Amino acid sequence: MSHAISIHKTGGPEVLQWADTEVGTPGPGQVRLKQTAVGLNYIDVYHRTGLYPLPLPFVPGMEAAGKVDAVGSGVTHLKPGDRVAYASVLGAYAEARLIAADRLVKLPDFIDDRTAAAMMLQGMTARYLIRDIYRVGPGDTILIHAAAGGVGLIVCQWAAALGATVIGTVSNDEKAALAKANGCHHPIVYTREDFQARVLEITGGKKLPVVYDSVGKDTFMKSLDCLRPRGLMVLFGASSGPVAPLDLSLLSQKGSLLVTRPTLATFVATKPLLEENSADLFGAVGSGKVKIHVNQTYPLKDAAQAHRDLEARKTTGSTVLTV
């Protein structure tokens, strides 16, 4: 008998229930995966609370790493014993699971399972943000909110390595020091500083070509005012709550601004896209340009406490649930 975290009703962390589960045998195109580490992400909170509704009941979680235990018919690129990882596939809070083989990528030897579980969703998110949505390069100055979080720390490192100047918002001095140590040239403690005013000061009034915002309601409108004409607002999360409906005429008034609401699933929707994205990420980590910080671990059965700490902003970097 295996175990998984199951959600039968949406709500607070207490709805995360440790339960027995039957995994079964893999069907055509599937593998059975024995998981060793599961990534914790804010989208898990959105699913748990019902902000992003899912049919009930469900097993939450969007990324994990482990070993292939068995393969179904038609699977030729994987075999039992292969170390693999995945992201953007619901059902990760489990000791074992069935999963489509084409959603898995093999792990290189230099990436351990916990690092893999921490980096797949956040790392590939960082990659599409700075390489696909807006191609960050030398001379760019960018703003990333929640700079000391999992995606934030990766964006800071990677963008700095690409030659960009990085501005990041954080909630306290400890997180500011962490962000600065990971490539953020100008950490802004938003609890005592006006980030919009600081952006104007840092850029000499020129503002920014792009803002990356996973906070949402509390930062969105001020983030628009950090953008130069024709700048791009990238909303990829809503940790403070969803953004209110927007009068699109504001975008013209503020300088013909662009707004996008991307999601990782679109950027890894096919096997070639997944392989391209993950290969870039593995290359950045293997080169040392990006270091993955697993700053918290919890047993999988204690996922509720991990959620409490994440929502209370007690975590930094990446968090992994161990199996």
Foldseek 3Di string as FASTA:
>chain_A
DWWFFKAADADALVRGDIDDDDADQEAPQKFKWQFFKAWDDVVQNCDRNCVPDDDPIFGAGFKTKGFTCCHYPPDDPHHGGFTWMAGRDGRRRIRMHMDRPLRIDTDDPVADGHLRNFCQFLVLVLCCVCVPPHPAAAPFEEEEELLQAANNLQNQLVNVVRRYAYEYEDQDDVSQVNSVVRRHVHYDNVVPDPVLVVLCVVVVNQAGQEYEAAQAQVCPVSNLLRHHAQHEYEHAHHLPHHHDDDDVVVCVVSHVYHYDHDHSCVQPVGSVSSVVSVVVSSVCVVVVSGDQDAPEEAASSVVSVVSVCVSVVVDGGIYMHGD
